[in-house]
Amino acid sequence: ASGASKNLYFFIATLLSVLFTGAVFESTLPESTGLFILLQDALLHIWRGFPFALSLLSILLAHEFGHYLMGRHHKTNLSLPFFLPLPYPFSILGTLGAFIQMKERPKNKRILFDIGLAGPLAGLVVAIPVLLYGLSLSKLAPLGGTGMLEGNSILYLLSKYAVFGKLLPEPVSYHGVAPFFYWVRYFFTSTPSPLGALDVQVHNIAWAGWAGLLVTSLNMIPIGTLDGGHILYAVFGKKASKIAPPIFVILIVLGFVWEGWWLWAVMLYFLGRKHAEPLDQITELDPARRKMAVLALIVFILVFIPVPLVIYG
């Protein structure tokens, strides 16, 4: 297959995978249903996954084409996006996301910066309205039994507050701890367990919006060839490589509250340590882009999720 048709086949496979995963989450079968019956039901009613698939793929497409169109604007040769399908039960999103390859080194740091930042900003422009709309369709209910919760970023906490007027999951009691300290501890560790707390029963569209924030936060980790790594290199040049070791230390420490960070650290160690170095190392960022770099840091802080998935009960 030619280059572009290969990208298209991968996108169609990802669309089907995300549709199928969305259909699993829309299942009306009882919770005790076996996995095989659940998957069979999702296949027969795959159209039920459409709201989830449309929401999630809109965010991912916006993110990837943010990079691609900025590359075209700067006459830098980039590949079209490659989407990676991974259906339920292997993935809870139906995809491993997407990536774009730089086919040539960017001419200078300004171009590298623009390409790196365009993706996360374009993705967020779609993800935030999708999240708020999805939350408006969601209901509040106490958390019972056992289950899995989506983790909080500052932006996700604020989005829930904007829709429901509460910081969620709202604990039954603060047990004498000042609310501020309770939330700081919960934010970074997801303890104590929120059993019985009032929380959002996340609508599929809100789940897609939350996933959009997660994808943005993972991409903005300032290392190697991730978007955050491009931005970091554009700001600090060759000094950027000195920032990698502390980032790995932070990921390893975070791994004690969510083991997924250890896997992420290993992947980044083998795949992501090299930077996309521009041809021209002399031209620095102009003042406007330096201000945008501060904005990028603020966005990263707002979307970062210390504990992406919480098992409670």
C-alpha atoms as a PDB file:
ATOM      1  CA  ALA A   1       0.000   0.000   0.000  1.00  0.00           C
ATOM      2  CA  SER A   2       1.164   3.532  -0.676  1.00  0.00           C
ATOM      3  CA  GLY A   3       2.042   5.761   2.277  1.00  0.00           C
ATOM      4  CA  ALA A   4      -1.266   7.639   2.463  1.00  0.00           C
ATOM      5  CA  SER A   5      -3.456   4.542   1.958  1.00  0.00           C
ATOM      6  CA  LYS A   6      -1.606   2.754   4.797  1.00  0.00           C
ATOM      7  CA  ASN A   7      -2.483   5.697   7.083  1.00  0.00           C
ATOM      8  CA  LEU A   8      -6.102   5.443   5.945  1.00  0.00           C
ATOM      9  CA  TYR A   9      -6.279   1.679   6.662  1.00  0.00           C
ATOM     10  CA  PHE A  10      -4.900   2.249  10.164  1.00  0.00           C
ATOM     11  CA  PHE A  11      -7.419   5.052  10.734  1.00  0.00           C
ATOM     12  CA  ILE A  12     -10.358   2.851   9.603  1.00  0.00           C
ATOM     13  CA  ALA A  13      -9.131   0.018  11.875  1.00  0.00           C
ATOM     14  CA  THR A  14      -8.888   2.521  14.766  1.00  0.00           C
ATOM     15  CA  LEU A  15     -12.376   3.889  14.019  1.00  0.00           C
ATOM     16  CA  LEU A  16     -13.824   0.343  14.206  1.00  0.00           C
ATOM     17  CA  SER A  17     -11.822  -0.437  17.349  1.00  0.00           C
ATOM     18  CA  VAL A  18     -13.004   2.758  19.116  1.00  0.00           C
ATOM     19  CA  LEU A  19     -16.618   2.209  17.944  1.00  0.00           C
ATOM     20  CA  PHE A  20     -16.497  -1.324  19.369  1.00  0.00           C
ATOM     21  CA  THR A  21     -14.999  -0.120  22.678  1.00  0.00           C
ATOM     22  CA  GLY A  22     -17.651   2.618  22.959  1.00  0.00           C
ATOM     23  CA  ALA A  23     -20.362   0.004  22.309  1.00  0.00           C
ATOM     24  CA  VAL A  24     -18.992  -2.129  25.188  1.00  0.00           C
ATOM     25  CA  PHE A  25     -19.338   0.863  27.550  1.00  0.00           C
ATOM     26  CA  GLU A  26     -22.921   1.512  26.369  1.00  0.00           C
ATOM     27  CA  SER A  27     -23.919  -2.094  27.110  1.00  0.00           C
ATOM     28  CA  THR A  28     -27.243  -2.544  28.934  1.00  0.00           C
ATOM     29  CA  LEU A  29     -26.354  -6.101  30.034  1.00  0.00           C
ATOM     30  CA  PRO A  30     -26.061  -6.836  33.793  1.00  0.00           C
ATOM     31  CA  GLU A  31     -22.601  -6.396  35.371  1.00  0.00           C
ATOM     32  CA  SER A  32     -22.307 -10.153  35.963  1.00  0.00           C
ATOM     33  CA  THR A  33     -22.342 -10.827  32.176  1.00  0.00           C
ATOM     34  CA  GLY A  34     -19.342 -12.845  30.942  1.00  0.00           C
ATOM     35  CA  LEU A  35     -16.728 -11.160  28.759  1.00  0.00           C
ATOM     36  CA  PHE A  36     -17.526 -13.198  25.613  1.00  0.00           C
ATOM     37  CA  ILE A  37     -21.256 -12.326  25.736  1.00  0.00           C
ATOM     38  CA  LEU A  38     -20.382  -8.661  26.427  1.00  0.00           C
ATOM     39  CA  LEU A  39     -18.062  -8.503  23.384  1.00  0.00           C
ATOM     40  CA  GLN A  40     -20.590 -10.320  21.184  1.00  0.00           C
ATOM     41  CA  ASP A  41     -23.314  -7.849  22.243  1.00  0.00           C
ATOM     42  CA  ALA A  42     -21.018  -4.887  21.461  1.00  0.00           C
ATOM     43  CA  LEU A  43     -20.282  -6.298  17.996  1.00  0.00           C
ATOM     44  CA  LEU A  44     -24.010  -6.683  17.246  1.00  0.00           C
ATOM     45  CA  HIS A  45     -24.731  -3.112  18.451  1.00  0.00           C
ATOM     46  CA  ILE A  46     -21.511  -1.428  17.330  1.00  0.00           C
ATOM     47  CA  TRP A  47     -23.415   1.748  16.336  1.00  0.00           C
ATOM     48  CA  ARG A  48     -23.951   2.428  20.082  1.00  0.00           C
ATOM     49  CA  GLY A  49     -20.264   3.381  20.253  1.00  0.00           C
ATOM     50  CA  PHE A  50     -20.725   6.265  17.798  1.00  0.00           C
ATOM     51  CA  PRO A  51     -20.929   9.182  20.339  1.00  0.00           C
ATOM     52  CA  PHE A  52     -17.761   7.951  22.093  1.00  0.00           C
ATOM     53  CA  ALA A  53     -15.871   7.296  18.832  1.00  0.00           C
ATOM     54  CA  LEU A  54     -16.835  10.644  17.283  1.00  0.00           C
ATOM     55  CA  SER A  55     -15.810  12.512  20.460  1.00  0.00           C
ATOM     56  CA  LEU A  56     -12.474  10.753  21.012  1.00  0.00           C
ATOM     57  CA  LEU A  57     -11.379  10.674  17.365  1.00  0.00           C
ATOM     58  CA  SER A  58     -12.292  14.362  16.907  1.00  0.00           C
ATOM     59  CA  ILE A  59      -9.870  15.210  19.741  1.00  0.00           C
ATOM     60  CA  LEU A  60      -7.096  12.954  18.390  1.00  0.00           C
ATOM     61  CA  LEU A  61      -7.567  14.221  14.809  1.00  0.00           C
ATOM     62  CA  ALA A  62      -7.445  17.845  15.995  1.00  0.00           C
ATOM     63  CA  HIS A  63      -4.239  17.110  17.926  1.00  0.00           C
ATOM     64  CA  GLU A  64      -2.471  15.332  15.052  1.00  0.00           C
ATOM     65  CA  PHE A  65      -3.585  17.761  12.350  1.00  0.00           C
ATOM     66  CA  GLY A  66      -2.500  20.637  14.590  1.00  0.00           C
ATOM     67  CA  HIS A  67       1.038  19.262  14.182  1.00  0.00           C
ATOM     68  CA  TYR A  68       0.605  18.361  10.515  1.00  0.00           C
ATOM     69  CA  LEU A  69      -0.841  21.698   9.352  1.00  0.00           C
ATOM     70  CA  MET A  70       1.722  23.683  11.345  1.00  0.00           C
ATOM     71  CA  GLY A  71       4.425  21.587   9.662  1.00  0.00           C
ATOM     72  CA  ARG A  72       2.916  22.348   6.244  1.00  0.00           C
ATOM     73  CA  HIS A  73       2.734  26.050   7.163  1.00  0.00           C
ATOM     74  CA  HIS A  74       6.480  26.008   7.888  1.00  0.00           C
ATOM     75  CA  LYS A  75       7.232  23.831   4.793  1.00  0.00           C
ATOM     76  CA  THR A  76       8.557  21.029   7.029  1.00  0.00           C
ATOM     77  CA  ASN A  77       8.028  17.500   5.717  1.00  0.00           C
ATOM     78  CA  LEU A  78       5.859  15.489   8.163  1.00  0.00           C
ATOM     79  CA  SER A  79       4.094  12.162   7.667  1.00  0.00           C
ATOM     80  CA  LEU A  80       0.309  11.991   7.845  1.00  0.00           C
ATOM     81  CA  PRO A  81      -0.959  10.778  11.264  1.00  0.00           C
ATOM     82  CA  PHE A  82      -0.641   7.061  12.060  1.00  0.00           C
ATOM     83  CA  PHE A  83      -3.513   5.854  14.277  1.00  0.00           C
ATOM     84  CA  LEU A  84      -2.979   2.771  16.434  1.00  0.00           C
ATOM     85  CA  PRO A  85      -6.029   0.528  17.078  1.00  0.00           C
ATOM     86  CA  LEU A  86      -6.271  -1.538  20.275  1.00  0.00           C
ATOM     87  CA  PRO A  87      -9.829  -2.710  21.062  1.00  0.00           C
ATOM     88  CA  TYR A  88     -11.436  -3.527  24.405  1.00  0.00           C
ATOM     89  CA  PRO A  89     -10.534  -5.535  26.570  1.00  0.00           C
ATOM     90  CA  PHE A  90      -6.869  -4.753  25.727  1.00  0.00           C
ATOM     91  CA  SER A  91      -7.489  -0.997  25.963  1.00  0.00           C
ATOM     92  CA  ILE A  92     -10.194   1.031  27.707  1.00  0.00           C
ATOM     93  CA  LEU A  93     -10.110   3.638  24.912  1.00  0.00           C
ATOM     94  CA  GLY A  94      -9.970   1.409  21.824  1.00  0.00           C
ATOM     95  CA  THR A  95      -6.739   3.029  20.662  1.00  0.00           C
ATOM     96  CA  LEU A  96      -3.144   3.672  21.676  1.00  0.00           C
ATOM     97  CA  GLY A  97      -3.486   7.151  20.160  1.00  0.00           C
ATOM     98  CA  ALA A  98      -1.666   8.396  17.076  1.00  0.00           C
ATOM     99  CA  PHE A  99       1.694   9.769  16.044  1.00  0.00           C
ATOM    100  CA  ILE A 100       3.310  11.784  13.265  1.00  0.00           C
ATOM    101  CA  GLN A 101       6.870  11.333  12.008  1.00  0.00           C
ATOM    102  CA  MET A 102       9.119  14.245  11.124  1.00  0.00           C
ATOM    103  CA  LYS A 103      10.680  13.268   7.790  1.00  0.00           C
ATOM    104  CA  GLU A 104      13.313  15.999   8.047  1.00  0.00           C
ATOM    105  CA  ARG A 105      14.889  18.070  10.789  1.00  0.00           C
ATOM    106  CA  PRO A 106      13.071  21.371  11.395  1.00  0.00           C
ATOM    107  CA  LYS A 107      14.947  24.412  10.095  1.00  0.00           C
ATOM    108  CA  ASN A 108      15.123  26.210  13.457  1.00  0.00           C
ATOM    109  CA  LYS A 109      13.897  26.223  17.072  1.00  0.00           C
ATOM    110  CA  ARG A 110      10.914  28.471  16.286  1.00  0.00           C
ATOM    111  CA  ILE A 111       9.550  25.938  13.793  1.00  0.00           C
ATOM    112  CA  LEU A 112      10.169  23.041  16.223  1.00  0.00           C
ATOM    113  CA  PHE A 113       8.351  25.006  18.950  1.00  0.00           C
ATOM    114  CA  ASP A 114       5.349  25.800  16.724  1.00  0.00           C
ATOM    115  CA  ILE A 115       4.977  22.188  15.547  1.00  0.00           C
ATOM    116  CA  GLY A 116       5.337  20.839  19.119  1.00  0.00           C
ATOM    117  CA  LEU A 117       2.770  23.190  20.673  1.00  0.00           C
ATOM    118  CA  ALA A 118       0.182  23.198  17.849  1.00  0.00           C
ATOM    119  CA  GLY A 119      -0.937  19.602  18.552  1.00  0.00           C
ATOM    120  CA  PRO A 120      -1.762  19.880  22.275  1.00  0.00           C
ATOM    121  CA  LEU A 121      -3.469  23.279  21.844  1.00  0.00           C
ATOM    122  CA  ALA A 122      -5.596  22.093  18.884  1.00  0.00           C
ATOM    123  CA  GLY A 123      -6.525  18.913  20.788  1.00  0.00           C
ATOM    124  CA  LEU A 124      -7.555  20.885  23.893  1.00  0.00           C
ATOM    125  CA  VAL A 125      -9.701  23.296  21.847  1.00  0.00           C
ATOM    126  CA  VAL A 126     -11.832  20.223  21.004  1.00  0.00           C
ATOM    127  CA  ALA A 127     -11.355  18.223  24.250  1.00  0.00           C
ATOM    128  CA  ILE A 128     -12.584  20.920  26.677  1.00  0.00           C
ATOM    129  CA  PRO A 129     -16.012  21.518  25.014  1.00  0.00           C
ATOM    130  CA  VAL A 130     -16.423  17.727  24.540  1.00  0.00           C
ATOM    131  CA  LEU A 131     -15.661  17.192  28.250  1.00  0.00           C
ATOM    132  CA  LEU A 132     -18.037  19.933  29.457  1.00  0.00           C
ATOM    133  CA  TYR A 133     -20.835  18.685  27.177  1.00  0.00           C
ATOM    134  CA  GLY A 134     -20.244  15.094  28.322  1.00  0.00           C
ATOM    135  CA  LEU A 135     -20.304  16.133  31.995  1.00  0.00           C
ATOM    136  CA  SER A 136     -23.609  17.973  31.425  1.00  0.00           C
ATOM    137  CA  LEU A 137     -25.041  14.591  30.268  1.00  0.00           C
ATOM    138  CA  SER A 138     -23.579  12.761  33.309  1.00  0.00           C
ATOM    139  CA  LYS A 139     -25.285  12.121  36.661  1.00  0.00           C
ATOM    140  CA  LEU A 140     -24.030  12.185  40.255  1.00  0.00           C
ATOM    141  CA  ALA A 141     -24.284   9.060  42.428  1.00  0.00           C
ATOM    142  CA  PRO A 142     -22.536   7.604  45.503  1.00  0.00           C
ATOM    143  CA  LEU A 143     -19.639   5.220  44.769  1.00  0.00           C
ATOM    144  CA  GLY A 144     -20.528   1.745  45.977  1.00  0.00           C
ATOM    145  CA  GLY A 145     -18.824  -1.649  46.061  1.00  0.00           C
ATOM    146  CA  THR A 146     -15.648  -1.719  44.016  1.00  0.00           C
ATOM    147  CA  GLY A 147     -14.712  -0.121  40.746  1.00  0.00           C
ATOM    148  CA  MET A 148     -12.364   1.956  38.669  1.00  0.00           C
ATOM    149  CA  LEU A 149     -12.312   5.754  38.638  1.00  0.00           C
ATOM    150  CA  GLU A 150     -10.793   8.177  36.170  1.00  0.00           C
ATOM    151  CA  GLY A 151      -8.061  10.255  37.828  1.00  0.00           C
ATOM    152  CA  ASN A 152      -8.131  13.989  38.428  1.00  0.00           C
ATOM    153  CA  SER A 153      -6.167  16.745  36.776  1.00  0.00           C
ATOM    154  CA  ILE A 154      -6.666  20.337  37.965  1.00  0.00           C
ATOM    155  CA  LEU A 155      -8.547  21.054  34.718  1.00  0.00           C
ATOM    156  CA  TYR A 156     -10.791  17.997  35.179  1.00  0.00           C
ATOM    157  CA  LEU A 157     -11.548  18.963  38.810  1.00  0.00           C
ATOM    158  CA  LEU A 158     -12.426  22.505  37.669  1.00  0.00           C
ATOM    159  CA  SER A 159     -14.573  21.180  34.784  1.00  0.00           C
ATOM    160  CA  LYS A 160     -16.601  19.033  37.213  1.00  0.00           C
ATOM    161  CA  TYR A 161     -16.891  22.039  39.535  1.00  0.00           C
ATOM    162  CA  ALA A 162     -18.122  24.212  36.629  1.00  0.00           C
ATOM    163  CA  VAL A 163     -20.888  21.702  35.796  1.00  0.00           C
ATOM    164  CA  PHE A 164     -21.874  20.393  39.264  1.00  0.00           C
ATOM    165  CA  GLY A 165     -20.688  23.111  41.673  1.00  0.00           C
ATOM    166  CA  LYS A 166     -18.748  20.536  43.733  1.00  0.00           C
ATOM    167  CA  LEU A 167     -15.213  19.144  43.970  1.00  0.00           C
ATOM    168  CA  LEU A 168     -15.709  15.479  43.039  1.00  0.00           C
ATOM    169  CA  PRO A 169     -15.533  12.748  44.241  1.00  0.00           C
ATOM    170  CA  GLU A 170     -17.062  14.511  47.280  1.00  0.00           C
ATOM    171  CA  PRO A 171     -16.036  12.518  50.389  1.00  0.00           C
ATOM    172  CA  VAL A 172     -18.602  11.447  52.990  1.00  0.00           C
ATOM    173  CA  SER A 173     -16.358  13.070  55.632  1.00  0.00           C
ATOM    174  CA  TYR A 174     -13.010  14.900  55.714  1.00  0.00           C
ATOM    175  CA  HIS A 175     -12.195  13.085  59.018  1.00  0.00           C
ATOM    176  CA  GLY A 176     -10.987  16.291  60.657  1.00  0.00           C
ATOM    177  CA  VAL A 177      -8.505  17.088  57.841  1.00  0.00           C
ATOM    178  CA  ALA A 178      -8.710  20.604  56.381  1.00  0.00           C
ATOM    179  CA  PRO A 179     -10.376  20.314  52.924  1.00  0.00           C
ATOM    180  CA  PHE A 180      -7.347  21.902  51.197  1.00  0.00           C
ATOM    181  CA  PHE A 181      -4.942  19.293  52.609  1.00  0.00           C
ATOM    182  CA  TYR A 182      -7.442  16.489  51.933  1.00  0.00           C
ATOM    183  CA  TRP A 183      -7.587  17.480  48.255  1.00  0.00           C
ATOM    184  CA  VAL A 184      -3.833  17.916  47.862  1.00  0.00           C
ATOM    185  CA  ARG A 185      -3.306  14.417  49.296  1.00  0.00           C
ATOM    186  CA  TYR A 186      -6.149  12.897  47.244  1.00  0.00           C
ATOM    187  CA  PHE A 187      -4.913  14.603  44.058  1.00  0.00           C
ATOM    188  CA  PHE A 188      -1.398  13.153  44.313  1.00  0.00           C
ATOM    189  CA  THR A 189      -2.161   9.744  45.865  1.00  0.00           C
ATOM    190  CA  SER A 190      -5.907   8.976  45.361  1.00  0.00           C
ATOM    191  CA  THR A 191      -6.079   8.092  49.050  1.00  0.00           C
ATOM    192  CA  PRO A 192      -8.114   7.709  51.190  1.00  0.00           C
ATOM    193  CA  SER A 193     -10.375   5.451  49.093  1.00  0.00           C
ATOM    194  CA  PRO A 194     -13.449   7.463  48.003  1.00  0.00           C
ATOM    195  CA  LEU A 195     -15.861   4.603  48.847  1.00  0.00           C
ATOM    196  CA  GLY A 196     -19.354   6.032  49.408  1.00  0.00           C
ATOM    197  CA  ALA A 197     -18.316   9.437  48.009  1.00  0.00           C
ATOM    198  CA  LEU A 198     -20.602  11.332  45.647  1.00  0.00           C
ATOM    199  CA  ASP A 199     -19.107  11.231  42.148  1.00  0.00           C
ATOM    200  CA  VAL A 200     -19.861  11.580  38.451  1.00  0.00           C
ATOM    201  CA  GLN A 201     -21.212   8.561  36.617  1.00  0.00           C
ATOM    202  CA  VAL A 202     -19.251   9.504  33.529  1.00  0.00           C
ATOM    203  CA  HIS A 203     -21.189   9.641  30.257  1.00  0.00           C
ATOM    204  CA  ASN A 204     -19.281   8.162  27.301  1.00  0.00           C
ATOM    205  CA  ILE A 205     -18.756  11.620  25.773  1.00  0.00           C
ATOM    206  CA  ALA A 206     -17.266  12.904  29.062  1.00  0.00           C
ATOM    207  CA  TRP A 207     -15.055   9.782  29.171  1.00  0.00           C
ATOM    208  CA  ALA A 208     -13.756  10.702  25.696  1.00  0.00           C
ATOM    209  CA  GLY A 209     -13.144  14.297  26.854  1.00  0.00           C
ATOM    210  CA  TRP A 210     -11.252  13.056  29.921  1.00  0.00           C
ATOM    211  CA  ALA A 211      -9.181  10.760  27.678  1.00  0.00           C
ATOM    212  CA  GLY A 212      -8.374  13.810  25.531  1.00  0.00           C
ATOM    213  CA  LEU A 213      -6.929  15.565  28.603  1.00  0.00           C
ATOM    214  CA  LEU A 214      -4.934  12.418  29.472  1.00  0.00           C
ATOM    215  CA  VAL A 215      -3.495  12.128  25.939  1.00  0.00           C
ATOM    216  CA  THR A 216      -2.528  15.820  26.058  1.00  0.00           C
ATOM    217  CA  SER A 217      -0.824  15.447  29.445  1.00  0.00           C
ATOM    218  CA  LEU A 218       1.172  12.358  28.386  1.00  0.00           C
ATOM    219  CA  ASN A 219       2.287  14.090  25.182  1.00  0.00           C
ATOM    220  CA  MET A 220       3.379  17.186  27.087  1.00  0.00           C
ATOM    221  CA  ILE A 221       5.837  15.357  29.373  1.00  0.00           C
ATOM    222  CA  PRO A 222       9.007  17.353  28.595  1.00  0.00           C
ATOM    223  CA  ILE A 223      11.222  14.600  27.232  1.00  0.00           C
ATOM    224  CA  GLY A 224      12.656  13.415  23.899  1.00  0.00           C
ATOM    225  CA  THR A 225      10.389  13.398  20.862  1.00  0.00           C
ATOM    226  CA  LEU A 226       7.148  13.955  22.803  1.00  0.00           C
ATOM    227  CA  ASP A 227       5.452  17.320  22.172  1.00  0.00           C
ATOM    228  CA  GLY A 228       6.753  18.517  25.543  1.00  0.00           C
ATOM    229  CA  GLY A 229      10.260  17.437  24.490  1.00  0.00           C
ATOM    230  CA  HIS A 230      10.026  19.525  21.296  1.00  0.00           C
ATOM    231  CA  ILE A 231       8.914  22.575  23.309  1.00  0.00           C
ATOM    232  CA  LEU A 232      11.671  22.012  25.886  1.00  0.00           C
ATOM    233  CA  TYR A 233      14.381  21.737  23.209  1.00  0.00           C
ATOM    234  CA  ALA A 234      13.087  24.856  21.452  1.00  0.00           C
ATOM    235  CA  VAL A 235      13.415  26.802  24.740  1.00  0.00           C
ATOM    236  CA  PHE A 236      16.682  25.377  26.150  1.00  0.00           C
ATOM    237  CA  GLY A 237      18.496  23.943  23.119  1.00  0.00           C
ATOM    238  CA  LYS A 238      21.116  21.271  23.850  1.00  0.00           C
ATOM    239  CA  LYS A 239      20.716  21.890  27.622  1.00  0.00           C
ATOM    240  CA  ALA A 240      17.316  20.149  27.353  1.00  0.00           C
ATOM    241  CA  SER A 241      18.988  16.717  27.654  1.00  0.00           C
ATOM    242  CA  LYS A 242      19.981  17.606  31.255  1.00  0.00           C
ATOM    243  CA  ILE A 243      16.271  17.733  32.175  1.00  0.00           C
ATOM    244  CA  ALA A 244      15.634  14.076  31.199  1.00  0.00           C
ATOM    245  CA  PRO A 245      17.166  12.429  34.342  1.00  0.00           C
ATOM    246  CA  PRO A 246      14.995  14.424  36.827  1.00  0.00           C
ATOM    247  CA  ILE A 247      11.897  13.624  34.718  1.00  0.00           C
ATOM    248  CA  PHE A 248      12.695   9.883  34.931  1.00  0.00           C
ATOM    249  CA  VAL A 249      13.144  10.200  38.724  1.00  0.00           C
ATOM    250  CA  ILE A 250       9.723  11.915  39.006  1.00  0.00           C
ATOM    251  CA  LEU A 251       8.076   9.171  36.883  1.00  0.00           C
ATOM    252  CA  ILE A 252       9.669   6.430  39.028  1.00  0.00           C
ATOM    253  CA  VAL A 253       8.435   8.135  42.239  1.00  0.00           C
ATOM    254  CA  LEU A 254       4.932   8.548  40.728  1.00  0.00           C
ATOM    255  CA  GLY A 255       5.062   4.816  39.909  1.00  0.00           C
ATOM    256  CA  PHE A 256       4.577   4.098  43.627  1.00  0.00           C
ATOM    257  CA  VAL A 257       1.060   5.602  43.419  1.00  0.00           C
ATOM    258  CA  TRP A 258       0.269   4.330  39.884  1.00  0.00           C
ATOM    259  CA  GLU A 259       2.379   1.503  38.409  1.00  0.00           C
ATOM    260  CA  GLY A 260       1.637   2.643  34.839  1.00  0.00           C
ATOM    261  CA  TRP A 261       4.259   5.377  35.251  1.00  0.00           C
ATOM    262  CA  TRP A 262       6.997   2.710  35.469  1.00  0.00           C
ATOM    263  CA  LEU A 263       5.943   1.299  32.090  1.00  0.00           C
ATOM    264  CA  TRP A 264       5.849   4.842  30.675  1.00  0.00           C
ATOM    265  CA  ALA A 265       9.355   5.549  32.056  1.00  0.00           C
ATOM    266  CA  VAL A 266      10.737   2.359  30.436  1.00  0.00           C
ATOM    267  CA  MET A 267       9.101   3.196  27.078  1.00  0.00           C
ATOM    268  CA  LEU A 268      10.453   6.752  27.147  1.00  0.00           C
ATOM    269  CA  TYR A 269      13.910   5.537  28.145  1.00  0.00           C
ATOM    270  CA  PHE A 270      14.148   3.322  25.059  1.00  0.00           C
ATOM    271  CA  LEU A 271      12.071   5.347  22.587  1.00  0.00           C
ATOM    272  CA  GLY A 272      12.117   8.932  23.626  1.00  0.00           C
ATOM    273  CA  ARG A 273      15.464  10.228  24.818  1.00  0.00           C
ATOM    274  CA  LYS A 274      16.656  11.696  21.514  1.00  0.00           C
ATOM    275  CA  HIS A 275      15.450  15.183  20.583  1.00  0.00           C
ATOM    276  CA  ALA A 276      14.453  16.391  17.109  1.00  0.00           C
ATOM    277  CA  GLU A 277      17.380  18.800  16.763  1.00  0.00           C
ATOM    278  CA  PRO A 278      16.827  21.762  14.418  1.00  0.00           C
ATOM    279  CA  LEU A 279      19.406  22.475  11.690  1.00  0.00           C
ATOM    280  CA  ASP A 280      19.868  26.075  12.881  1.00  0.00           C
ATOM    281  CA  GLN A 281      20.900  26.087  16.561  1.00  0.00           C
ATOM    282  CA  ILE A 282      21.573  29.845  16.675  1.00  0.00           C
ATOM    283  CA  THR A 283      18.154  31.462  16.089  1.00  0.00           C
ATOM    284  CA  GLU A 284      16.464  31.678  19.517  1.00  0.00           C
ATOM    285  CA  LEU A 285      12.759  31.934  20.305  1.00  0.00           C
ATOM    286  CA  ASP A 286      11.289  35.421  19.979  1.00  0.00           C
ATOM    287  CA  PRO A 287       9.525  37.038  23.009  1.00  0.00           C
ATOM    288  CA  ALA A 288       6.032  36.017  21.809  1.00  0.00           C
ATOM    289  CA  ARG A 289       7.038  32.340  21.642  1.00  0.00           C
ATOM    290  CA  ARG A 290       8.732  32.582  25.054  1.00  0.00           C
ATOM    291  CA  LYS A 291       5.368  33.746  26.456  1.00  0.00           C
ATOM    292  CA  MET A 292       3.696  30.821  24.682  1.00  0.00           C
ATOM    293  CA  ALA A 293       6.258  28.502  26.332  1.00  0.00           C
ATOM    294  CA  VAL A 294       5.055  29.752  29.743  1.00  0.00           C
ATOM    295  CA  LEU A 295       1.470  29.078  28.577  1.00  0.00           C
ATOM    296  CA  ALA A 296       2.546  25.534  27.567  1.00  0.00           C
ATOM    297  CA  LEU A 297       3.927  24.938  31.083  1.00  0.00           C
ATOM    298  CA  ILE A 298       0.668  26.202  32.651  1.00  0.00           C
ATOM    299  CA  VAL A 299      -1.370  23.922  30.336  1.00  0.00           C
ATOM    300  CA  PHE A 300       0.814  20.933  31.303  1.00  0.00           C
ATOM    301  CA  ILE A 301       0.288  21.649  35.034  1.00  0.00           C
ATOM    302  CA  LEU A 302      -3.492  21.974  34.477  1.00  0.00           C
ATOM    303  CA  VAL A 303      -3.894  18.726  32.503  1.00  0.00           C
ATOM    304  CA  PHE A 304      -1.375  16.484  34.299  1.00  0.00           C
ATOM    305  CA  ILE A 305      -3.021  13.509  36.065  1.00  0.00           C
ATOM    306  CA  PRO A 306      -0.750  12.077  38.828  1.00  0.00           C
ATOM    307  CA  VAL A 307      -2.929   8.942  39.214  1.00  0.00           C
ATOM    308  CA  PRO A 308      -4.700   8.341  35.863  1.00  0.00           C
ATOM    309  CA  LEU A 309      -6.802   5.364  37.016  1.00  0.00           C
ATOM    310  CA  VAL A 310      -7.937   4.652  40.565  1.00  0.00           C
ATOM    311  CA  ILE A 311      -9.111   1.236  41.761  1.00  0.00           C
ATOM    312  CA  TYR A 312     -11.330   1.628  44.843  1.00  0.00           C
ATOM    313  CA  GLY A 313     -13.215  -0.672  47.184  1.00  0.00           C
END
